[in-house]
Amino acid sequence: VVVDGPESLTGVRRHMLPVKRLSLTDFVARIPRGAREKTLRIALEKDDIMKKWSETSWAKKIKAKEVRANLTDFERFKLMVARKKRAAE
């Protein structure tokens, strides 16, 4: 299967992906077969697919994981102290 983001909107380049590695969602954008990046981008913007995706719990988990991975040492320390304080209450 050919998967396309488009990269400017989602960060996903056009590439091949086996079907068993795909995870489908309920979001549908009507596009013709073999559509170009511009057509796909217009269809995603018209149906507000990216907005709907960002409101899902799956997207929120990915964002939280990203934020946590980018914490500095001091921010991780503050998080640890806050968790200890909350656990003590």
PDB file of N, CA and C in Angstrom:
ATOM      1  N   VAL A   1       0.853  -1.174   0.000  1.00  0.00           N
ATOM      2  CA  VAL A   1       0.000   0.000   0.000  1.00  0.00           C
ATOM      3  C   VAL A   1       0.895   1.231   0.000  1.00  0.00           C
ATOM      4  N   VAL A   2       0.518   2.222  -0.780  1.00  0.00           N
ATOM      5  CA  VAL A   2       1.240   3.485  -0.797  1.00  0.00           C
ATOM      6  C   VAL A   2       0.596   4.406   0.227  1.00  0.00           C
ATOM      7  N   VAL A   3       1.407   4.927   1.144  1.00  0.00           N
ATOM      8  CA  VAL A   3       0.934   5.816   2.202  1.00  0.00           C
ATOM      9  C   VAL A   3       1.518   7.197   1.951  1.00  0.00           C
ATOM     10  N   ASP A   4       0.674   8.227   2.056  1.00  0.00           N
ATOM     11  CA  ASP A   4       1.137   9.600   1.858  1.00  0.00           C
ATOM     12  C   ASP A   4       0.510  10.478   2.917  1.00  0.00           C
ATOM     13  N   GLY A   5       1.320  11.382   3.504  1.00  0.00           N
ATOM     14  CA  GLY A   5       0.888  12.221   4.611  1.00  0.00           C
ATOM     15  C   GLY A   5      -0.149  13.257   4.266  1.00  0.00           C
ATOM     16  N   PRO A   6       0.069  14.233   3.477  1.00  0.00           N
ATOM     17  CA  PRO A   6       1.298  14.705   2.858  1.00  0.00           C
ATOM     18  C   PRO A   6       2.285  15.251   3.886  1.00  0.00           C
ATOM     19  N   GLU A   7       3.551  15.243   3.524  1.00  0.00           N
ATOM     20  CA  GLU A   7       4.617  15.586   4.466  1.00  0.00           C
ATOM     21  C   GLU A   7       4.472  16.981   5.046  1.00  0.00           C
ATOM     22  N   SER A   8       4.034  17.938   4.247  1.00  0.00           N
ATOM     23  CA  SER A   8       3.896  19.314   4.736  1.00  0.00           C
ATOM     24  C   SER A   8       2.824  19.439   5.820  1.00  0.00           C
ATOM     25  N   LEU A   9       1.861  18.531   5.828  1.00  0.00           N
ATOM     26  CA  LEU A   9       0.747  18.600   6.766  1.00  0.00           C
ATOM     27  C   LEU A   9       0.921  17.650   7.952  1.00  0.00           C
ATOM     28  N   THR A  10       1.425  16.451   7.687  1.00  0.00           N
ATOM     29  CA  THR A  10       1.495  15.425   8.730  1.00  0.00           C
ATOM     30  C   THR A  10       2.903  14.972   9.078  1.00  0.00           C
ATOM     31  N   GLY A  11       3.862  15.267   8.225  1.00  0.00           N
ATOM     32  CA  GLY A  11       5.228  14.801   8.471  1.00  0.00           C
ATOM     33  C   GLY A  11       5.485  13.412   7.918  1.00  0.00           C
ATOM     34  N   VAL A  12       4.516  12.830   7.220  1.00  0.00           N
ATOM     35  CA  VAL A  12       4.661  11.492   6.658  1.00  0.00           C
ATOM     36  C   VAL A  12       4.930  11.609   5.165  1.00  0.00           C
ATOM     37  N   ARG A  13       6.082  11.075   4.734  1.00  0.00           N
ATOM     38  CA  ARG A  13       6.391  11.090   3.306  1.00  0.00           C
ATOM     39  C   ARG A  13       5.640   9.970   2.601  1.00  0.00           C
ATOM     40  N   ARG A  14       5.529  10.080   1.288  1.00  0.00           N
ATOM     41  CA  ARG A  14       4.899   9.018   0.494  1.00  0.00           C
ATOM     42  C   ARG A  14       5.853   7.831   0.466  1.00  0.00           C
ATOM     43  N   HIS A  15       5.353   6.674   0.888  1.00  0.00           N
ATOM     44  CA  HIS A  15       6.182   5.463   0.917  1.00  0.00           C
ATOM     45  C   HIS A  15       5.303   4.220   0.904  1.00  0.00           C
ATOM     46  N   MET A  16       5.937   3.082   0.675  1.00  0.00           N
ATOM     47  CA  MET A  16       5.233   1.796   0.678  1.00  0.00           C
ATOM     48  C   MET A  16       5.162   1.282   2.110  1.00  0.00           C
ATOM     49  N   LEU A  17       4.048   0.610   2.447  1.00  0.00           N
ATOM     50  CA  LEU A  17       3.858   0.072   3.784  1.00  0.00           C
ATOM     51  C   LEU A  17       3.028  -1.208   3.671  1.00  0.00           C
ATOM     52  N   PRO A  18       3.446  -2.289   4.349  1.00  0.00           N
ATOM     53  CA  PRO A  18       2.641  -3.516   4.304  1.00  0.00           C
ATOM     54  C   PRO A  18       1.279  -3.297   4.977  1.00  0.00           C
ATOM     55  N   VAL A  19       0.262  -3.967   4.479  1.00  0.00           N
ATOM     56  CA  VAL A  19      -1.095  -3.791   4.984  1.00  0.00           C
ATOM     57  C   VAL A  19      -1.190  -4.173   6.459  1.00  0.00           C
ATOM     58  N   LYS A  20      -0.464  -5.190   6.897  1.00  0.00           N
ATOM     59  CA  LYS A  20      -0.593  -5.603   8.293  1.00  0.00           C
ATOM     60  C   LYS A  20       0.046  -4.626   9.272  1.00  0.00           C
ATOM     61  N   ARG A  21       0.803  -3.647   8.800  1.00  0.00           N
ATOM     62  CA  ARG A  21       1.359  -2.615   9.678  1.00  0.00           C
ATOM     63  C   ARG A  21       0.450  -1.395   9.782  1.00  0.00           C
ATOM     64  N   LEU A  22      -0.631  -1.349   9.013  1.00  0.00           N
ATOM     65  CA  LEU A  22      -1.550  -0.216   9.019  1.00  0.00           C
ATOM     66  C   LEU A  22      -2.527  -0.312  10.181  1.00  0.00           C
ATOM     67  N   SER A  23      -2.902   0.818  10.719  1.00  0.00           N
ATOM     68  CA  SER A  23      -3.979   0.914  11.702  1.00  0.00           C
ATOM     69  C   SER A  23      -4.986   1.916  11.157  1.00  0.00           C
ATOM     70  N   LEU A  24      -6.146   1.425  10.791  1.00  0.00           N
ATOM     71  CA  LEU A  24      -7.158   2.281  10.181  1.00  0.00           C
ATOM     72  C   LEU A  24      -7.924   3.063  11.233  1.00  0.00           C
ATOM     73  N   THR A  25      -8.396   4.218  10.845  1.00  0.00           N
ATOM     74  CA  THR A  25      -9.245   5.045  11.704  1.00  0.00           C
ATOM     75  C   THR A  25     -10.607   5.194  11.037  1.00  0.00           C
ATOM     76  N   ASP A  26     -11.512   5.876  11.686  1.00  0.00           N
ATOM     77  CA  ASP A  26     -12.852   6.095  11.132  1.00  0.00           C
ATOM     78  C   ASP A  26     -12.916   7.315  10.211  1.00  0.00           C
ATOM     79  N   PHE A  27     -11.821   8.030  10.060  1.00  0.00           N
ATOM     80  CA  PHE A  27     -11.807   9.240   9.248  1.00  0.00           C
ATOM     81  C   PHE A  27     -11.662   8.880   7.775  1.00  0.00           C
ATOM     82  N   VAL A  28     -12.507   9.493   6.941  1.00  0.00           N
ATOM     83  CA  VAL A  28     -12.511   9.189   5.517  1.00  0.00           C
ATOM     84  C   VAL A  28     -12.404  10.485   4.729  1.00  0.00           C
ATOM     85  N   ALA A  29     -11.493  10.508   3.765  1.00  0.00           N
ATOM     86  CA  ALA A  29     -11.380  11.620   2.825  1.00  0.00           C
ATOM     87  C   ALA A  29     -11.558  11.033   1.429  1.00  0.00           C
ATOM     88  N   ARG A  30     -12.521  11.523   0.704  1.00  0.00           N
ATOM     89  CA  ARG A  30     -12.806  11.012  -0.638  1.00  0.00           C
ATOM     90  C   ARG A  30     -11.801  11.602  -1.620  1.00  0.00           C
ATOM     91  N   ILE A  31     -10.946  10.729  -2.172  1.00  0.00           N
ATOM     92  CA  ILE A  31      -9.957  11.144  -3.163  1.00  0.00           C
ATOM     93  C   ILE A  31      -9.945  10.116  -4.288  1.00  0.00           C
ATOM     94  N   PRO A  32      -9.550  10.540  -5.485  1.00  0.00           N
ATOM     95  CA  PRO A  32      -9.455   9.569  -6.579  1.00  0.00           C
ATOM     96  C   PRO A  32      -8.228   8.673  -6.408  1.00  0.00           C
ATOM     97  N   ARG A  33      -8.230   7.545  -7.072  1.00  0.00           N
ATOM     98  CA  ARG A  33      -7.117   6.610  -7.004  1.00  0.00           C
ATOM     99  C   ARG A  33      -5.869   7.260  -7.613  1.00  0.00           C
ATOM    100  N   GLY A  34      -4.728   7.104  -6.961  1.00  0.00           N
ATOM    101  CA  GLY A  34      -3.483   7.676  -7.462  1.00  0.00           C
ATOM    102  C   GLY A  34      -3.425   9.184  -7.324  1.00  0.00           C
ATOM    103  N   ALA A  35      -4.082   9.740  -6.335  1.00  0.00           N
ATOM    104  CA  ALA A  35      -4.138  11.193  -6.164  1.00  0.00           C
ATOM    105  C   ALA A  35      -2.771  11.762  -5.814  1.00  0.00           C
ATOM    106  N   ARG A  36      -2.535  12.960  -6.244  1.00  0.00           N
ATOM    107  CA  ARG A  36      -1.282  13.638  -5.925  1.00  0.00           C
ATOM    108  C   ARG A  36      -1.365  14.280  -4.543  1.00  0.00           C
ATOM    109  N   GLU A  37      -0.228  14.769  -4.082  1.00  0.00           N
ATOM    110  CA  GLU A  37      -0.148  15.360  -2.743  1.00  0.00           C
ATOM    111  C   GLU A  37      -1.068  16.557  -2.590  1.00  0.00           C
ATOM    112  N   LYS A  38      -1.155  17.396  -3.608  1.00  0.00           N
ATOM    113  CA  LYS A  38      -1.999  18.588  -3.535  1.00  0.00           C
ATOM    114  C   LYS A  38      -3.473  18.209  -3.391  1.00  0.00           C
ATOM    115  N   THR A  39      -3.928  17.215  -4.137  1.00  0.00           N
ATOM    116  CA  THR A  39      -5.309  16.753  -4.059  1.00  0.00           C
ATOM    117  C   THR A  39      -5.616  16.205  -2.677  1.00  0.00           C
ATOM    118  N   LEU A  40      -4.683  15.419  -2.143  1.00  0.00           N
ATOM    119  CA  LEU A  40      -4.850  14.847  -0.810  1.00  0.00           C
ATOM    120  C   LEU A  40      -4.908  15.938   0.251  1.00  0.00           C
ATOM    121  N   ARG A  41      -4.017  16.926   0.159  1.00  0.00           N
ATOM    122  CA  ARG A  41      -3.990  18.025   1.120  1.00  0.00           C
ATOM    123  C   ARG A  41      -5.304  18.802   1.104  1.00  0.00           C
ATOM    124  N   ILE A  42      -5.837  19.068  -0.078  1.00  0.00           N
ATOM    125  CA  ILE A  42      -7.105  19.792  -0.201  1.00  0.00           C
ATOM    126  C   ILE A  42      -8.247  18.982   0.404  1.00  0.00           C
ATOM    127  N   ALA A  43      -8.260  17.667   0.158  1.00  0.00           N
ATOM    128  CA  ALA A  43      -9.319  16.805   0.698  1.00  0.00           C
ATOM    129  C   ALA A  43      -9.245  16.751   2.223  1.00  0.00           C
ATOM    130  N   LEU A  44      -8.038  16.687   2.781  1.00  0.00           N
ATOM    131  CA  LEU A  44      -7.883  16.648   4.232  1.00  0.00           C
ATOM    132  C   LEU A  44      -8.329  17.956   4.873  1.00  0.00           C
ATOM    133  N   GLU A  45      -8.008  19.077   4.236  1.00  0.00           N
ATOM    134  CA  GLU A  45      -8.409  20.379   4.765  1.00  0.00           C
ATOM    135  C   GLU A  45      -9.925  20.581   4.651  1.00  0.00           C
ATOM    136  N   LYS A  46     -10.519  20.109   3.560  1.00  0.00           N
ATOM    137  CA  LYS A  46     -11.954  20.275   3.341  1.00  0.00           C
ATOM    138  C   LYS A  46     -12.769  19.513   4.389  1.00  0.00           C
ATOM    139  N   ASP A  47     -12.332  18.322   4.737  1.00  0.00           N
ATOM    140  CA  ASP A  47     -13.064  17.487   5.691  1.00  0.00           C
ATOM    141  C   ASP A  47     -12.598  17.659   7.132  1.00  0.00           C
ATOM    142  N   ASP A  48     -11.667  18.560   7.387  1.00  0.00           N
ATOM    143  CA  ASP A  48     -11.123  18.806   8.728  1.00  0.00           C
ATOM    144  C   ASP A  48     -10.613  17.530   9.392  1.00  0.00           C
ATOM    145  N   ILE A  49      -9.944  16.687   8.622  1.00  0.00           N
ATOM    146  CA  ILE A  49      -9.449  15.407   9.129  1.00  0.00           C
ATOM    147  C   ILE A  49      -8.386  15.620  10.205  1.00  0.00           C
ATOM    148  N   MET A  50      -7.478  16.547  10.001  1.00  0.00           N
ATOM    149  CA  MET A  50      -6.389  16.754  10.964  1.00  0.00           C
ATOM    150  C   MET A  50      -6.933  17.293  12.291  1.00  0.00           C
ATOM    151  N   LYS A  51      -7.953  18.130  12.232  1.00  0.00           N
ATOM    152  CA  LYS A  51      -8.569  18.650  13.462  1.00  0.00           C
ATOM    153  C   LYS A  51      -9.258  17.523  14.222  1.00  0.00           C
ATOM    154  N   LYS A  52      -9.992  16.690  13.492  1.00  0.00           N
ATOM    155  CA  LYS A  52     -10.665  15.552  14.116  1.00  0.00           C
ATOM    156  C   LYS A  52      -9.650  14.592  14.723  1.00  0.00           C
ATOM    157  N   TRP A  53      -8.529  14.365  14.004  1.00  0.00           N
ATOM    158  CA  TRP A  53      -7.493  13.462  14.505  1.00  0.00           C
ATOM    159  C   TRP A  53      -6.877  13.999  15.784  1.00  0.00           C
ATOM    160  N   SER A  54      -6.596  15.288  15.845  1.00  0.00           N
ATOM    161  CA  SER A  54      -5.940  15.860  17.018  1.00  0.00           C
ATOM    162  C   SER A  54      -6.820  15.802  18.259  1.00  0.00           C
ATOM    163  N   GLU A  55      -8.126  15.618  18.083  1.00  0.00           N
ATOM    164  CA  GLU A  55      -9.041  15.525  19.217  1.00  0.00           C
ATOM    165  C   GLU A  55      -9.198  14.098  19.746  1.00  0.00           C
ATOM    166  N   THR A  56      -8.612  13.109  19.061  1.00  0.00           N
ATOM    167  CA  THR A  56      -8.748  11.715  19.506  1.00  0.00           C
ATOM    168  C   THR A  56      -7.781  11.427  20.646  1.00  0.00           C
ATOM    169  N   SER A  57      -8.104  10.426  21.451  1.00  0.00           N
ATOM    170  CA  SER A  57      -7.227  10.048  22.566  1.00  0.00           C
ATOM    171  C   SER A  57      -5.927   9.464  22.045  1.00  0.00           C
ATOM    172  N   TRP A  58      -5.956   8.811  20.899  1.00  0.00           N
ATOM    173  CA  TRP A  58      -4.756   8.226  20.299  1.00  0.00           C
ATOM    174  C   TRP A  58      -3.743   9.333  19.984  1.00  0.00           C
ATOM    175  N   ALA A  59      -4.214  10.411  19.364  1.00  0.00           N
ATOM    176  CA  ALA A  59      -3.335  11.528  19.018  1.00  0.00           C
ATOM    177  C   ALA A  59      -2.812  12.219  20.275  1.00  0.00           C
ATOM    178  N   LYS A  60      -3.668  12.328  21.293  1.00  0.00           N
ATOM    179  CA  LYS A  60      -3.248  12.967  22.549  1.00  0.00           C
ATOM    180  C   LYS A  60      -2.173  12.144  23.245  1.00  0.00           C
ATOM    181  N   LYS A  61      -2.276  10.817  23.198  1.00  0.00           N
ATOM    182  CA  LYS A  61      -1.255   9.950  23.793  1.00  0.00           C
ATOM    183  C   LYS A  61       0.073  10.103  23.074  1.00  0.00           C
ATOM    184  N   ILE A  62       0.019  10.174  21.746  1.00  0.00           N
ATOM    185  CA  ILE A  62       1.241  10.353  20.956  1.00  0.00           C
ATOM    186  C   ILE A  62       1.890  11.695  21.293  1.00  0.00           C
ATOM    187  N   LYS A  63       1.088  12.741  21.403  1.00  0.00           N
ATOM    188  CA  LYS A  63       1.601  14.083  21.729  1.00  0.00           C
ATOM    189  C   LYS A  63       2.219  14.098  23.123  1.00  0.00           C
ATOM    190  N   ALA A  64       1.553  13.458  24.103  1.00  0.00           N
ATOM    191  CA  ALA A  64       2.080  13.423  25.467  1.00  0.00           C
ATOM    192  C   ALA A  64       3.402  12.662  25.518  1.00  0.00           C
ATOM    193  N   LYS A  65       3.496  11.583  24.755  1.00  0.00           N
ATOM    194  CA  LYS A  65       4.731  10.793  24.711  1.00  0.00           C
ATOM    195  C   LYS A  65       5.863  11.619  24.106  1.00  0.00           C
ATOM    196  N   GLU A  66       5.538  12.393  23.073  1.00  0.00           N
ATOM    197  CA  GLU A  66       6.507  13.272  22.425  1.00  0.00           C
ATOM    198  C   GLU A  66       7.011  14.346  23.390  1.00  0.00           C
ATOM    199  N   VAL A  67       6.077  14.958  24.120  1.00  0.00           N
ATOM    200  CA  VAL A  67       6.428  16.017  25.062  1.00  0.00           C
ATOM    201  C   VAL A  67       7.329  15.454  26.161  1.00  0.00           C
ATOM    202  N   ARG A  68       6.965  14.290  26.679  1.00  0.00           N
ATOM    203  CA  ARG A  68       7.736  13.666  27.746  1.00  0.00           C
ATOM    204  C   ARG A  68       9.148  13.286  27.277  1.00  0.00           C
ATOM    205  N   ALA A  69       9.264  12.847  26.028  1.00  0.00           N
ATOM    206  CA  ALA A  69      10.572  12.465  25.483  1.00  0.00           C
ATOM    207  C   ALA A  69      11.484  13.679  25.314  1.00  0.00           C
ATOM    208  N   ASN A  70      10.897  14.860  25.151  1.00  0.00           N
ATOM    209  CA  ASN A  70      11.685  16.070  24.929  1.00  0.00           C
ATOM    210  C   ASN A  70      11.931  16.883  26.204  1.00  0.00           C
ATOM    211  N   LEU A  71      11.613  16.327  27.370  1.00  0.00           N
ATOM    212  CA  LEU A  71      11.858  17.039  28.621  1.00  0.00           C
ATOM    213  C   LEU A  71      13.356  17.156  28.902  1.00  0.00           C
ATOM    214  N   THR A  72      13.740  18.258  29.519  1.00  0.00           N
ATOM    215  CA  THR A  72      15.128  18.410  29.944  1.00  0.00           C
ATOM    216  C   THR A  72      15.311  17.678  31.267  1.00  0.00           C
ATOM    217  N   ASP A  73      16.549  17.583  31.723  1.00  0.00           N
ATOM    218  CA  ASP A  73      16.840  16.898  32.981  1.00  0.00           C
ATOM    219  C   ASP A  73      16.125  17.579  34.152  1.00  0.00           C
ATOM    220  N   PHE A  74      16.140  18.911  34.164  1.00  0.00           N
ATOM    221  CA  PHE A  74      15.501  19.654  35.253  1.00  0.00           C
ATOM    222  C   PHE A  74      13.978  19.474  35.227  1.00  0.00           C
ATOM    223  N   GLU A  75      13.395  19.448  34.027  1.00  0.00           N
ATOM    224  CA  GLU A  75      11.952  19.247  33.913  1.00  0.00           C
ATOM    225  C   GLU A  75      11.561  17.842  34.386  1.00  0.00           C
ATOM    226  N   ARG A  76      12.397  16.849  34.093  1.00  0.00           N
ATOM    227  CA  ARG A  76      12.138  15.497  34.597  1.00  0.00           C
ATOM    228  C   ARG A  76      12.225  15.468  36.116  1.00  0.00           C
ATOM    229  N   PHE A  77      13.167  16.221  36.688  1.00  0.00           N
ATOM    230  CA  PHE A  77      13.309  16.308  38.138  1.00  0.00           C
ATOM    231  C   PHE A  77      12.058  16.942  38.759  1.00  0.00           C
ATOM    232  N   LYS A  78      11.588  18.059  38.164  1.00  0.00           N
ATOM    233  CA  LYS A  78      10.391  18.723  38.673  1.00  0.00           C
ATOM    234  C   LYS A  78       9.180  17.792  38.595  1.00  0.00           C
ATOM    235  N   LEU A  79       9.094  17.026  37.523  1.00  0.00           N
ATOM    236  CA  LEU A  79       7.999  16.068  37.371  1.00  0.00           C
ATOM    237  C   LEU A  79       8.064  14.997  38.460  1.00  0.00           C
ATOM    238  N   MET A  80       9.255  14.514  38.750  1.00  0.00           N
ATOM    239  CA  MET A  80       9.433  13.503  39.794  1.00  0.00           C
ATOM    240  C   MET A  80       9.011  14.054  41.157  1.00  0.00           C
ATOM    241  N   VAL A  81       9.421  15.274  41.467  1.00  0.00           N
ATOM    242  CA  VAL A  81       9.068  15.897  42.744  1.00  0.00           C
ATOM    243  C   VAL A  81       7.558  16.088  42.835  1.00  0.00           C
ATOM    244  N   ALA A  82       6.936  16.533  41.757  1.00  0.00           N
ATOM    245  CA  ALA A  82       5.481  16.746  41.756  1.00  0.00           C
ATOM    246  C   ALA A  82       4.743  15.424  41.945  1.00  0.00           C
ATOM    247  N   ARG A  83       5.238  14.360  41.315  1.00  0.00           N
ATOM    248  CA  ARG A  83       4.590  13.050  41.468  1.00  0.00           C
ATOM    249  C   ARG A  83       4.724  12.533  42.901  1.00  0.00           C
ATOM    250  N   LYS A  84       5.898  12.763  43.504  1.00  0.00           N
ATOM    251  CA  LYS A  84       6.099  12.330  44.884  1.00  0.00           C
ATOM    252  C   LYS A  84       5.177  13.112  45.819  1.00  0.00           C
ATOM    253  N   LYS A  85       5.047  14.408  45.564  1.00  0.00           N
ATOM    254  CA  LYS A  85       4.193  15.258  46.394  1.00  0.00           C
ATOM    255  C   LYS A  85       2.727  14.825  46.276  1.00  0.00           C
ATOM    256  N   ARG A  86       2.310  14.531  45.052  1.00  0.00           N
ATOM    257  CA  ARG A  86       0.927  14.100  44.814  1.00  0.00           C
ATOM    258  C   ARG A  86       0.646  12.737  45.440  1.00  0.00           C
ATOM    259  N   ALA A  87       1.628  11.849  45.412  1.00  0.00           N
ATOM    260  CA  ALA A  87       1.466  10.515  45.992  1.00  0.00           C
ATOM    261  C   ALA A  87       1.394  10.568  47.512  1.00  0.00           C
ATOM    262  N   ALA A  88       2.055  11.570  48.102  1.00  0.00           N
ATOM    263  CA  ALA A  88       2.078  11.692  49.560  1.00  0.00           C
ATOM    264  C   ALA A  88       0.741  12.211  50.104  1.00  0.00           C
ATOM    265  N   GLU A  89      -0.021  12.873  49.279  1.00  0.00           N
ATOM    266  CA  GLU A  89      -1.289  13.472  49.735  1.00  0.00           C
ATOM    267  C   GLU A  89      -2.361  12.433  49.928  1.00  0.00           C
TER     268      GLU A  89
END
